[in-house]
Amino acid sequence: MKENPTYYAIITANVRYDEKITLGAKMMYGEITALSSKEGFCWASNEYFAKLYKVHRNTIQNWIKSLKESGYIRLDTKQSQSGSYRKIYLIPQSQKFVIGQSQ
């Protein structure tokens, strides 16, 4: 039997009502919150999200770019001998203003 995660997604009001963010990016933000609940970061690849939402990887790249540029997520990418590895971190919104980004 396939195990389904029991994590729940949270889409904060500032993300929900941000008119610069597409609906798909907002849904993906919710998925990132769910996947971050266990380890404190999201490990999912663009391919994982593309299969999940049945869209092209370029669409996922655009969604991630918009969430990053809007100050909702931060990416930590590392290179290794086996390839690259990315962690996606949520940016607490109280920090958003500290680092000089506004809505």
N, C-alpha and C. Protein backbone atom coordinates (compact mmCIF):
# COMPACT_ATOMS: atom_id res chain seq x y z
N MET A 1 0.84 -1.17 0.00
CA MET A 1 0.00 0.00 0.00
C MET A 1 0.90 1.25 0.00
N LYS A 2 0.57 2.22 -0.84
CA LYS A 2 1.33 3.46 -0.92
C LYS A 2 0.98 4.34 0.29
N GLU A 3 2.04 4.84 0.93
CA GLU A 3 1.85 5.72 2.09
C GLU A 3 1.68 7.16 1.61
N ASN A 4 0.61 7.80 2.03
CA ASN A 4 0.37 9.20 1.69
C ASN A 4 0.78 10.07 2.86
N PRO A 5 1.51 11.17 2.58
CA PRO A 5 1.90 12.04 3.68
C PRO A 5 0.67 12.68 4.33
N THR A 6 0.78 12.93 5.61
CA THR A 6 -0.33 13.55 6.34
C THR A 6 -0.06 15.01 6.63
N TYR A 7 0.94 15.59 6.00
CA TYR A 7 1.26 16.99 6.20
C TYR A 7 0.17 17.85 5.57
N TYR A 8 -0.03 19.01 6.14
CA TYR A 8 -0.99 19.92 5.55
C TYR A 8 -0.26 21.15 5.02
N ALA A 9 -0.87 21.80 4.04
CA ALA A 9 -0.28 22.97 3.40
C ALA A 9 -0.83 24.24 4.01
N ILE A 10 0.03 25.25 4.07
CA ILE A 10 -0.37 26.56 4.54
C ILE A 10 -0.01 27.57 3.46
N ILE A 11 -0.98 28.36 3.06
CA ILE A 11 -0.71 29.47 2.14
C ILE A 11 -1.10 30.73 2.90
N THR A 12 -0.09 31.47 3.32
CA THR A 12 -0.33 32.65 4.14
C THR A 12 -1.07 33.73 3.34
N ALA A 13 -1.74 34.62 4.05
CA ALA A 13 -2.57 35.64 3.40
C ALA A 13 -1.75 36.51 2.45
N ASN A 14 -0.54 36.87 2.84
CA ASN A 14 0.25 37.72 1.97
C ASN A 14 0.59 37.03 0.65
N VAL A 15 0.74 35.71 0.65
CA VAL A 15 0.97 34.97 -0.59
C VAL A 15 -0.35 34.83 -1.34
N ARG A 16 -1.42 34.47 -0.63
CA ARG A 16 -2.73 34.29 -1.29
C ARG A 16 -3.19 35.52 -2.04
N TYR A 17 -2.98 36.69 -1.46
CA TYR A 17 -3.51 37.92 -2.05
C TYR A 17 -2.49 38.70 -2.86
N ASP A 18 -1.30 38.15 -3.05
CA ASP A 18 -0.27 38.81 -3.85
C ASP A 18 -0.64 38.67 -5.33
N GLU A 19 -0.97 39.77 -5.95
CA GLU A 19 -1.43 39.75 -7.35
C GLU A 19 -0.30 39.48 -8.34
N LYS A 20 0.96 39.57 -7.90
CA LYS A 20 2.10 39.30 -8.78
C LYS A 20 2.38 37.81 -8.89
N ILE A 21 1.79 37.01 -8.02
CA ILE A 21 2.05 35.58 -7.98
C ILE A 21 0.90 34.84 -8.66
N THR A 22 1.23 33.91 -9.55
CA THR A 22 0.19 33.14 -10.24
C THR A 22 -0.46 32.14 -9.28
N LEU A 23 -1.63 31.67 -9.66
CA LEU A 23 -2.33 30.68 -8.84
C LEU A 23 -1.50 29.41 -8.68
N GLY A 24 -0.83 29.00 -9.74
CA GLY A 24 0.02 27.80 -9.66
C GLY A 24 1.15 27.98 -8.67
N ALA A 25 1.78 29.15 -8.68
CA ALA A 25 2.87 29.43 -7.74
C ALA A 25 2.35 29.44 -6.31
N LYS A 26 1.14 29.92 -6.13
CA LYS A 26 0.54 29.93 -4.79
C LYS A 26 0.30 28.51 -4.30
N MET A 27 -0.19 27.65 -5.18
CA MET A 27 -0.39 26.24 -4.81
C MET A 27 0.95 25.58 -4.50
N MET A 28 1.96 25.88 -5.30
CA MET A 28 3.27 25.30 -5.06
C MET A 28 3.85 25.80 -3.74
N TYR A 29 3.60 27.06 -3.38
CA TYR A 29 4.03 27.58 -2.08
C TYR A 29 3.42 26.73 -0.96
N GLY A 30 2.15 26.40 -1.09
CA GLY A 30 1.50 25.53 -0.11
C GLY A 30 2.16 24.17 -0.03
N GLU A 31 2.52 23.62 -1.18
CA GLU A 31 3.20 22.32 -1.21
C GLU A 31 4.58 22.42 -0.55
N ILE A 32 5.26 23.53 -0.78
CA ILE A 32 6.57 23.74 -0.14
C ILE A 32 6.41 23.79 1.38
N THR A 33 5.36 24.45 1.86
CA THR A 33 5.13 24.48 3.32
C THR A 33 4.91 23.07 3.85
N ALA A 34 4.15 22.28 3.13
CA ALA A 34 3.87 20.91 3.57
C ALA A 34 5.15 20.07 3.59
N LEU A 35 5.94 20.17 2.54
CA LEU A 35 7.16 19.36 2.44
C LEU A 35 8.25 19.87 3.39
N SER A 36 8.14 21.10 3.84
CA SER A 36 9.12 21.67 4.77
C SER A 36 8.84 21.30 6.22
N SER A 37 7.66 20.79 6.49
CA SER A 37 7.27 20.56 7.89
C SER A 37 8.12 19.50 8.58
N LYS A 38 8.65 18.55 7.85
CA LYS A 38 9.42 17.48 8.46
C LYS A 38 10.88 17.87 8.72
N GLU A 39 11.56 18.43 7.74
CA GLU A 39 12.99 18.71 7.83
C GLU A 39 13.34 20.19 8.00
N GLY A 40 12.35 21.07 7.84
CA GLY A 40 12.63 22.49 7.92
C GLY A 40 12.97 23.11 6.58
N PHE A 41 12.99 22.30 5.55
CA PHE A 41 13.22 22.77 4.18
C PHE A 41 12.52 21.81 3.23
N CYS A 42 12.33 22.27 2.02
CA CYS A 42 11.71 21.44 0.98
C CYS A 42 12.81 20.89 0.08
N TRP A 43 12.78 19.61 -0.14
CA TRP A 43 13.79 18.90 -0.92
C TRP A 43 13.37 18.65 -2.37
N ALA A 44 12.14 18.94 -2.71
CA ALA A 44 11.57 18.53 -4.00
C ALA A 44 12.25 19.22 -5.18
N SER A 45 12.44 18.46 -6.24
CA SER A 45 13.06 18.97 -7.46
C SER A 45 12.00 19.59 -8.38
N ASN A 46 12.46 20.29 -9.39
CA ASN A 46 11.54 20.84 -10.39
C ASN A 46 10.79 19.71 -11.09
N GLU A 47 11.46 18.60 -11.32
CA GLU A 47 10.80 17.47 -11.96
C GLU A 47 9.68 16.91 -11.08
N TYR A 48 9.92 16.84 -9.78
CA TYR A 48 8.89 16.39 -8.84
C TYR A 48 7.65 17.27 -8.94
N PHE A 49 7.85 18.60 -8.88
CA PHE A 49 6.72 19.53 -8.96
C PHE A 49 6.04 19.46 -10.32
N ALA A 50 6.82 19.32 -11.41
CA ALA A 50 6.24 19.25 -12.75
C ALA A 50 5.32 18.04 -12.89
N LYS A 51 5.75 16.91 -12.35
CA LYS A 51 4.91 15.70 -12.40
C LYS A 51 3.68 15.87 -11.51
N LEU A 52 3.87 16.47 -10.34
CA LEU A 52 2.77 16.66 -9.41
C LEU A 52 1.66 17.54 -10.01
N TYR A 53 2.06 18.65 -10.63
CA TYR A 53 1.10 19.61 -11.17
C TYR A 53 0.82 19.42 -12.66
N LYS A 54 1.49 18.44 -13.27
CA LYS A 54 1.29 18.14 -14.70
C LYS A 54 1.54 19.37 -15.57
N VAL A 55 2.68 20.01 -15.31
CA VAL A 55 3.12 21.16 -16.11
C VAL A 55 4.57 20.95 -16.51
N HIS A 56 5.06 21.78 -17.41
CA HIS A 56 6.44 21.70 -17.88
C HIS A 56 7.38 22.22 -16.80
N ARG A 57 8.61 21.72 -16.79
CA ARG A 57 9.61 22.18 -15.81
C ARG A 57 9.86 23.68 -15.91
N ASN A 58 9.73 24.25 -17.11
CA ASN A 58 9.91 25.71 -17.26
C ASN A 58 8.86 26.47 -16.45
N THR A 59 7.65 25.93 -16.39
CA THR A 59 6.59 26.55 -15.59
C THR A 59 6.99 26.55 -14.13
N ILE A 60 7.52 25.43 -13.66
CA ILE A 60 7.97 25.33 -12.27
C ILE A 60 9.09 26.33 -12.02
N GLN A 61 10.03 26.44 -12.94
CA GLN A 61 11.13 27.42 -12.79
C GLN A 61 10.57 28.83 -12.66
N ASN A 62 9.57 29.16 -13.45
CA ASN A 62 8.96 30.49 -13.37
C ASN A 62 8.26 30.71 -12.04
N TRP A 63 7.56 29.69 -11.55
CA TRP A 63 6.88 29.80 -10.25
C TRP A 63 7.89 30.01 -9.13
N ILE A 64 8.95 29.23 -9.16
CA ILE A 64 9.99 29.37 -8.13
C ILE A 64 10.63 30.75 -8.21
N LYS A 65 10.91 31.20 -9.41
CA LYS A 65 11.50 32.53 -9.59
C LYS A 65 10.59 33.61 -9.02
N SER A 66 9.30 33.53 -9.26
CA SER A 66 8.39 34.56 -8.77
C SER A 66 8.29 34.52 -7.24
N LEU A 67 8.27 33.33 -6.66
CA LEU A 67 8.23 33.22 -5.19
C LEU A 67 9.52 33.74 -4.56
N LYS A 68 10.63 33.46 -5.21
CA LYS A 68 11.93 33.93 -4.71
C LYS A 68 12.03 35.45 -4.83
N GLU A 69 11.71 35.99 -6.00
CA GLU A 69 11.80 37.44 -6.22
C GLU A 69 10.83 38.22 -5.33
N SER A 70 9.74 37.59 -4.95
CA SER A 70 8.77 38.24 -4.06
C SER A 70 9.14 38.10 -2.59
N GLY A 71 10.22 37.36 -2.32
CA GLY A 71 10.72 37.24 -0.96
C GLY A 71 10.02 36.20 -0.10
N TYR A 72 9.36 35.21 -0.74
CA TYR A 72 8.65 34.19 0.02
C TYR A 72 9.48 32.94 0.27
N ILE A 73 10.47 32.69 -0.60
CA ILE A 73 11.34 31.52 -0.43
C ILE A 73 12.79 31.92 -0.68
N ARG A 74 13.68 31.05 -0.20
CA ARG A 74 15.12 31.22 -0.46
C ARG A 74 15.65 29.86 -0.88
N LEU A 75 16.56 29.85 -1.83
CA LEU A 75 17.13 28.60 -2.35
C LEU A 75 18.56 28.44 -1.88
N ASP A 76 18.90 27.23 -1.51
CA ASP A 76 20.27 26.88 -1.14
C ASP A 76 20.67 25.73 -2.05
N THR A 77 21.55 26.00 -3.02
CA THR A 77 21.95 24.99 -3.99
C THR A 77 23.41 24.62 -3.76
N LYS A 78 23.68 23.34 -3.75
CA LYS A 78 25.04 22.84 -3.55
C LYS A 78 25.39 21.89 -4.68
N GLN A 79 26.64 21.94 -5.08
CA GLN A 79 27.15 21.03 -6.11
C GLN A 79 27.91 19.90 -5.43
N SER A 80 27.76 18.70 -5.96
CA SER A 80 28.53 17.56 -5.47
C SER A 80 28.94 16.72 -6.67
N GLN A 81 29.70 15.67 -6.43
CA GLN A 81 30.13 14.80 -7.53
C GLN A 81 28.95 14.11 -8.20
N SER A 82 27.89 13.90 -7.45
CA SER A 82 26.72 13.22 -8.03
C SER A 82 25.72 14.19 -8.65
N GLY A 83 26.03 15.49 -8.65
CA GLY A 83 25.14 16.48 -9.24
C GLY A 83 24.86 17.61 -8.28
N SER A 84 23.79 18.34 -8.55
CA SER A 84 23.45 19.46 -7.67
C SER A 84 22.28 19.06 -6.77
N TYR A 85 22.20 19.73 -5.64
CA TYR A 85 21.17 19.47 -4.66
C TYR A 85 20.61 20.80 -4.20
N ARG A 86 19.30 20.91 -4.13
CA ARG A 86 18.67 22.17 -3.76
C ARG A 86 17.79 21.98 -2.54
N LYS A 87 17.85 22.97 -1.67
CA LYS A 87 16.92 23.05 -0.54
C LYS A 87 16.14 24.35 -0.71
N ILE A 88 14.84 24.29 -0.50
CA ILE A 88 13.99 25.47 -0.56
C ILE A 88 13.56 25.79 0.86
N TYR A 89 13.86 27.00 1.30
CA TYR A 89 13.47 27.45 2.64
C TYR A 89 12.39 28.51 2.54
N LEU A 90 11.43 28.45 3.43
CA LEU A 90 10.43 29.51 3.53
C LEU A 90 11.06 30.68 4.26
N ILE A 91 10.75 31.89 3.83
CA ILE A 91 11.23 33.08 4.51
C ILE A 91 10.11 33.57 5.42
N PRO A 92 10.35 33.55 6.73
CA PRO A 92 9.33 34.10 7.63
C PRO A 92 9.05 35.55 7.25
N GLN A 93 7.81 35.91 7.21
CA GLN A 93 7.46 37.23 6.69
C GLN A 93 7.93 38.37 7.58
N SER A 94 8.21 38.13 8.84
CA SER A 94 8.79 39.19 9.67
C SER A 94 10.20 39.52 9.19
N GLN A 95 10.91 38.53 8.60
CA GLN A 95 12.25 38.77 8.06
C GLN A 95 12.20 39.48 6.72
N LYS A 96 11.08 39.41 6.05
CA LYS A 96 10.97 39.99 4.72
C LYS A 96 11.29 41.47 4.75
N PHE A 97 10.84 42.16 5.79
CA PHE A 97 11.07 43.59 5.88
C PHE A 97 12.46 43.90 6.39
N VAL A 98 13.02 43.02 7.20
CA VAL A 98 14.36 43.22 7.75
C VAL A 98 15.39 43.22 6.64
N ILE A 99 15.21 42.36 5.63
CA ILE A 99 16.19 42.30 4.55
C ILE A 99 15.89 43.29 3.43
N GLY A 100 14.95 44.18 3.68
CA GLY A 100 14.72 45.27 2.74
C GLY A 100 13.77 44.98 1.61
N GLN A 101 13.03 43.92 1.68
CA GLN A 101 12.06 43.64 0.62
C GLN A 101 10.69 44.01 1.14
N SER A 102 9.91 44.64 0.31
CA SER A 102 8.55 45.00 0.72
C SER A 102 7.57 44.44 -0.29
N GLN A 103 6.32 44.45 0.10
CA GLN A 103 5.29 43.90 -0.80
C GLN A 103 4.86 44.90 -1.82
